[in-house]
């Protein structure tokens, strides 16, 4: 299964990535007060989502309906099933931003 790169020791950071044939920019931030990460999504310089909280098991951007969003599902989860939270300790270590294309794995 494919997953998005995540560099927890470099937060905040951003990168461009191709998802379902389109190029997107993802920018990650960490909220130290409440121990969670957020992600911003941009396409062609336009912000599509800002401050999307990364929650274990909840698909990123699922609350948005916009044809400019990636045509894939991105779900934070632990492939081993041991961890159930996406926080500073787990994200990028045991919990990954898994990419699904709707027809199985990407």
N, C-alpha and C. Protein backbone atom coordinates (compact mmCIF):
# COMPACT_ATOMS: atom_id res chain seq x y z
N UNK A 1 0.85 -1.18 0.00
CA UNK A 1 0.00 0.00 0.00
C UNK A 1 0.89 1.24 0.00
N UNK A 2 0.49 2.24 -0.74
CA UNK A 2 1.24 3.50 -0.82
C UNK A 2 0.84 4.43 0.32
N UNK A 3 1.74 5.32 0.67
CA UNK A 3 1.42 6.31 1.69
C UNK A 3 2.14 7.61 1.37
N UNK A 4 1.61 8.70 1.93
CA UNK A 4 2.21 10.02 1.74
C UNK A 4 3.47 10.14 2.59
N UNK A 5 4.51 10.79 2.06
CA UNK A 5 5.69 11.04 2.88
C UNK A 5 5.34 11.95 4.06
N UNK A 6 5.92 11.66 5.21
CA UNK A 6 5.71 12.50 6.39
C UNK A 6 7.02 12.57 7.16
N UNK A 7 7.52 13.79 7.37
CA UNK A 7 8.81 14.01 8.01
C UNK A 7 8.60 14.71 9.34
N UNK A 8 8.27 13.96 10.34
CA UNK A 8 7.85 14.55 11.62
C UNK A 8 8.92 15.41 12.28
N UNK A 9 10.19 15.15 11.99
CA UNK A 9 11.27 15.95 12.57
C UNK A 9 11.50 17.26 11.83
N UNK A 10 10.75 17.49 10.74
CA UNK A 10 10.93 18.70 9.94
C UNK A 10 9.71 19.62 9.95
N UNK A 11 8.72 19.32 10.76
CA UNK A 11 7.49 20.11 10.79
C UNK A 11 7.80 21.50 11.32
N UNK A 12 7.30 22.58 10.71
CA UNK A 12 6.43 22.56 9.53
C UNK A 12 7.23 22.32 8.25
N UNK A 13 6.60 21.65 7.29
CA UNK A 13 7.23 21.39 6.00
C UNK A 13 6.14 21.24 4.94
N UNK A 14 6.55 21.34 3.70
CA UNK A 14 5.61 21.15 2.59
C UNK A 14 6.32 20.46 1.45
N UNK A 15 5.54 19.88 0.56
CA UNK A 15 6.08 19.26 -0.65
C UNK A 15 4.96 19.15 -1.68
N UNK A 16 5.36 18.97 -2.92
CA UNK A 16 4.42 18.71 -4.00
C UNK A 16 4.41 17.22 -4.28
N UNK A 17 3.23 16.70 -4.63
CA UNK A 17 3.08 15.28 -4.91
C UNK A 17 2.00 15.09 -5.96
N UNK A 18 2.18 14.09 -6.80
CA UNK A 18 1.15 13.77 -7.80
C UNK A 18 0.22 12.71 -7.22
N UNK A 19 -1.07 13.02 -7.24
CA UNK A 19 -2.10 12.10 -6.77
C UNK A 19 -3.17 12.00 -7.85
N UNK A 20 -3.43 10.80 -8.32
CA UNK A 20 -4.45 10.56 -9.35
C UNK A 20 -4.24 11.46 -10.57
N UNK A 21 -2.99 11.65 -10.95
CA UNK A 21 -2.68 12.39 -12.17
C UNK A 21 -2.65 13.90 -12.04
N UNK A 22 -2.81 14.43 -10.85
CA UNK A 22 -2.78 15.88 -10.64
C UNK A 22 -1.74 16.20 -9.56
N UNK A 23 -1.13 17.39 -9.66
CA UNK A 23 -0.11 17.80 -8.71
C UNK A 23 -0.73 18.65 -7.61
N UNK A 24 -0.41 18.30 -6.37
CA UNK A 24 -0.91 19.00 -5.19
C UNK A 24 0.27 19.38 -4.31
N UNK A 25 0.07 20.44 -3.51
CA UNK A 25 1.03 20.80 -2.49
C UNK A 25 0.40 20.52 -1.14
N UNK A 26 1.13 19.83 -0.28
CA UNK A 26 0.69 19.55 1.08
C UNK A 26 1.63 20.26 2.04
N UNK A 27 1.07 20.93 3.02
CA UNK A 27 1.87 21.63 4.03
C UNK A 27 1.39 21.19 5.40
N UNK A 28 2.32 20.70 6.22
CA UNK A 28 2.00 20.13 7.52
C UNK A 28 2.44 21.05 8.65
N UNK A 29 1.62 21.07 9.72
CA UNK A 29 1.91 21.85 10.93
C UNK A 29 1.59 20.98 12.15
N UNK A 30 2.19 21.34 13.28
CA UNK A 30 1.96 20.61 14.53
C UNK A 30 1.41 21.55 15.59
N UNK A 31 0.37 21.11 16.29
CA UNK A 31 -0.21 21.86 17.40
C UNK A 31 0.30 21.22 18.68
N UNK A 32 1.32 21.85 19.28
CA UNK A 32 1.95 21.26 20.47
C UNK A 32 1.05 21.33 21.71
N UNK A 33 0.15 22.29 21.75
CA UNK A 33 -0.74 22.41 22.91
C UNK A 33 -1.68 21.21 23.02
N UNK A 34 -2.16 20.73 21.86
CA UNK A 34 -3.14 19.64 21.88
C UNK A 34 -2.63 18.36 21.21
N UNK A 35 -1.35 18.33 20.83
CA UNK A 35 -0.69 17.14 20.28
C UNK A 35 -1.40 16.57 19.05
N UNK A 36 -1.55 17.42 18.03
CA UNK A 36 -2.06 16.90 16.76
C UNK A 36 -1.43 17.67 15.61
N UNK A 37 -1.51 17.06 14.44
CA UNK A 37 -1.00 17.66 13.21
C UNK A 37 -2.15 18.13 12.36
N UNK A 38 -1.85 19.15 11.52
CA UNK A 38 -2.81 19.61 10.52
C UNK A 38 -2.11 19.62 9.17
N UNK A 39 -2.93 19.64 8.12
CA UNK A 39 -2.38 19.68 6.77
C UNK A 39 -3.20 20.68 5.95
N UNK A 40 -2.49 21.45 5.13
CA UNK A 40 -3.12 22.34 4.15
C UNK A 40 -2.96 21.69 2.79
N UNK A 41 -3.95 21.87 1.93
CA UNK A 41 -3.93 21.30 0.58
C UNK A 41 -4.07 22.42 -0.43
N UNK A 42 -3.15 22.45 -1.39
CA UNK A 42 -3.21 23.45 -2.46
C UNK A 42 -3.08 22.76 -3.81
N UNK A 43 -3.69 23.39 -4.82
CA UNK A 43 -3.55 22.94 -6.20
C UNK A 43 -3.45 24.17 -7.07
N UNK A 44 -2.42 24.23 -7.89
CA UNK A 44 -2.18 25.38 -8.76
C UNK A 44 -2.15 26.69 -7.98
N UNK A 45 -1.58 26.65 -6.77
CA UNK A 45 -1.46 27.85 -5.95
C UNK A 45 -2.70 28.23 -5.19
N UNK A 46 -3.80 27.54 -5.42
CA UNK A 46 -5.07 27.84 -4.73
C UNK A 46 -5.23 26.93 -3.52
N UNK A 47 -5.52 27.52 -2.37
CA UNK A 47 -5.75 26.74 -1.16
C UNK A 47 -7.13 26.09 -1.24
N UNK A 48 -7.14 24.76 -1.17
CA UNK A 48 -8.39 24.01 -1.20
C UNK A 48 -8.87 23.68 0.22
N UNK A 49 -7.92 23.48 1.13
CA UNK A 49 -8.24 23.19 2.52
C UNK A 49 -7.09 23.69 3.39
N UNK A 50 -7.42 24.30 4.51
CA UNK A 50 -6.40 24.81 5.42
C UNK A 50 -6.69 24.31 6.83
N UNK A 51 -5.65 23.83 7.49
CA UNK A 51 -5.79 23.42 8.88
C UNK A 51 -6.59 22.15 9.08
N UNK A 52 -6.61 21.25 8.08
CA UNK A 52 -7.33 19.98 8.22
C UNK A 52 -6.63 19.14 9.29
N UNK A 53 -7.33 18.86 10.38
CA UNK A 53 -6.75 18.06 11.46
C UNK A 53 -6.58 16.62 11.00
N UNK A 54 -5.43 16.05 11.30
CA UNK A 54 -5.16 14.65 10.94
C UNK A 54 -5.63 13.79 12.11
N UNK A 55 -6.69 13.01 11.87
CA UNK A 55 -7.32 12.18 12.90
C UNK A 55 -7.21 10.72 12.48
N UNK A 56 -6.76 9.88 13.38
CA UNK A 56 -6.60 8.46 13.07
C UNK A 56 -7.90 7.86 12.54
N UNK A 57 -7.81 7.15 11.42
CA UNK A 57 -8.95 6.44 10.85
C UNK A 57 -9.94 7.30 10.10
N UNK A 58 -9.77 8.63 10.10
CA UNK A 58 -10.70 9.54 9.41
C UNK A 58 -10.05 10.02 8.12
N UNK A 59 -10.68 9.73 6.98
CA UNK A 59 -10.11 10.16 5.70
C UNK A 59 -9.90 11.68 5.66
N UNK A 60 -8.72 12.09 5.20
CA UNK A 60 -8.45 13.52 5.05
C UNK A 60 -9.38 14.10 4.00
N UNK A 61 -9.84 15.30 4.24
CA UNK A 61 -10.64 16.09 3.30
C UNK A 61 -11.99 15.46 2.97
N UNK A 62 -12.48 14.52 3.78
CA UNK A 62 -13.74 13.86 3.47
C UNK A 62 -14.94 14.80 3.58
N UNK A 63 -14.79 15.90 4.29
CA UNK A 63 -15.90 16.84 4.46
C UNK A 63 -16.00 17.85 3.32
N UNK A 64 -15.09 17.77 2.36
CA UNK A 64 -15.07 18.72 1.25
C UNK A 64 -15.62 18.06 -0.01
N UNK A 65 -16.44 18.81 -0.74
CA UNK A 65 -16.94 18.35 -2.03
C UNK A 65 -16.45 19.36 -3.06
N UNK A 66 -15.43 18.95 -3.83
CA UNK A 66 -14.82 19.86 -4.79
C UNK A 66 -14.08 19.02 -5.81
N UNK A 67 -14.33 19.25 -7.07
CA UNK A 67 -13.70 18.45 -8.13
C UNK A 67 -12.20 18.67 -8.21
N UNK A 68 -11.68 19.71 -7.55
CA UNK A 68 -10.24 19.98 -7.57
C UNK A 68 -9.47 19.12 -6.56
N UNK A 69 -10.16 18.43 -5.66
CA UNK A 69 -9.50 17.60 -4.66
C UNK A 69 -8.98 16.32 -5.30
N UNK A 70 -7.98 15.70 -4.67
CA UNK A 70 -7.45 14.44 -5.21
C UNK A 70 -8.53 13.36 -5.26
N UNK A 71 -8.49 12.56 -6.31
CA UNK A 71 -9.46 11.48 -6.46
C UNK A 71 -8.92 10.20 -5.81
N UNK A 72 -8.42 10.36 -4.62
CA UNK A 72 -7.94 9.24 -3.81
C UNK A 72 -8.41 9.49 -2.38
N UNK A 73 -8.38 8.44 -1.59
CA UNK A 73 -8.70 8.55 -0.17
C UNK A 73 -7.40 8.41 0.61
N UNK A 74 -7.18 9.33 1.55
CA UNK A 74 -5.98 9.32 2.38
C UNK A 74 -6.43 9.11 3.83
N UNK A 75 -6.01 7.99 4.41
CA UNK A 75 -6.47 7.64 5.75
C UNK A 75 -5.27 7.41 6.68
N UNK A 76 -5.19 8.16 7.78
CA UNK A 76 -4.13 7.91 8.76
C UNK A 76 -4.42 6.61 9.52
N UNK A 77 -3.49 5.65 9.42
CA UNK A 77 -3.69 4.42 10.18
C UNK A 77 -2.39 3.65 10.34
N UNK A 78 -2.41 2.74 11.28
CA UNK A 78 -1.29 1.87 11.58
C UNK A 78 -1.54 0.53 10.89
N UNK A 79 -0.71 0.16 9.91
CA UNK A 79 -0.94 -1.10 9.20
C UNK A 79 -0.92 -2.32 10.13
N UNK A 80 -0.21 -2.24 11.25
CA UNK A 80 -0.17 -3.37 12.18
C UNK A 80 -1.40 -3.42 13.08
N UNK A 81 -2.12 -2.28 13.16
CA UNK A 81 -3.31 -2.22 14.01
C UNK A 81 -3.02 -1.98 15.48
N UNK A 82 -1.76 -1.73 15.83
CA UNK A 82 -1.41 -1.55 17.23
C UNK A 82 -1.74 -0.16 17.76
N UNK A 83 -1.48 0.88 16.98
CA UNK A 83 -1.75 2.25 17.43
C UNK A 83 -3.09 2.72 16.89
N UNK A 84 -3.75 3.59 17.66
CA UNK A 84 -5.07 4.08 17.26
C UNK A 84 -5.16 5.60 17.32
N UNK A 85 -4.02 6.28 17.41
CA UNK A 85 -4.00 7.74 17.43
C UNK A 85 -2.92 8.24 16.48
N UNK A 86 -3.20 9.41 15.88
CA UNK A 86 -2.21 10.08 15.03
C UNK A 86 -1.71 11.29 15.81
N UNK A 87 -0.55 11.16 16.44
CA UNK A 87 0.00 12.25 17.24
C UNK A 87 1.51 12.31 17.05
N UNK A 88 2.18 13.12 17.84
CA UNK A 88 3.63 13.32 17.68
C UNK A 88 4.41 12.02 17.84
N UNK A 89 3.95 11.16 18.71
CA UNK A 89 4.65 9.90 18.96
C UNK A 89 4.46 8.89 17.83
N UNK A 90 3.29 8.89 17.18
CA UNK A 90 2.98 7.82 16.23
C UNK A 90 3.04 8.19 14.76
N UNK A 91 2.64 9.42 14.40
CA UNK A 91 2.55 9.77 12.98
C UNK A 91 3.93 9.78 12.34
N UNK A 92 4.07 9.03 11.28
CA UNK A 92 5.35 8.91 10.59
C UNK A 92 6.23 7.80 11.15
N UNK A 93 5.83 7.20 12.26
CA UNK A 93 6.57 6.10 12.89
C UNK A 93 5.80 4.79 12.71
N UNK A 94 4.61 4.75 13.28
CA UNK A 94 3.76 3.55 13.18
C UNK A 94 2.45 3.85 12.47
N UNK A 95 2.04 5.10 12.48
CA UNK A 95 0.83 5.54 11.79
C UNK A 95 1.25 6.29 10.53
N UNK A 96 0.65 5.89 9.41
CA UNK A 96 1.02 6.48 8.12
C UNK A 96 -0.21 7.01 7.41
N UNK A 97 0.01 7.95 6.50
CA UNK A 97 -1.07 8.52 5.70
C UNK A 97 -1.25 7.64 4.47
N UNK A 98 -2.07 6.60 4.60
CA UNK A 98 -2.25 5.58 3.58
C UNK A 98 -3.12 6.11 2.44
N UNK A 99 -2.72 5.78 1.21
CA UNK A 99 -3.42 6.24 0.01
C UNK A 99 -4.22 5.09 -0.59
N UNK A 100 -5.51 5.31 -0.77
CA UNK A 100 -6.38 4.35 -1.44
C UNK A 100 -7.00 5.04 -2.63
N UNK A 101 -7.15 4.32 -3.74
CA UNK A 101 -7.69 4.94 -4.95
C UNK A 101 -9.15 4.60 -5.21
N UNK A 102 -9.82 3.97 -4.27
CA UNK A 102 -11.23 3.64 -4.45
C UNK A 102 -11.43 2.27 -5.05
N UNK A 103 -10.39 1.70 -5.62
CA UNK A 103 -10.47 0.36 -6.20
C UNK A 103 -9.43 -0.53 -5.55
N UNK A 104 -9.23 -0.34 -4.26
CA UNK A 104 -8.17 -1.05 -3.57
C UNK A 104 -7.04 -0.10 -3.30
N UNK A 105 -5.86 -0.61 -3.21
CA UNK A 105 -4.70 0.22 -2.89
C UNK A 105 -4.22 0.99 -4.10
N UNK A 106 -3.58 2.14 -3.84
CA UNK A 106 -3.02 2.97 -4.91
C UNK A 106 -1.73 2.37 -5.41
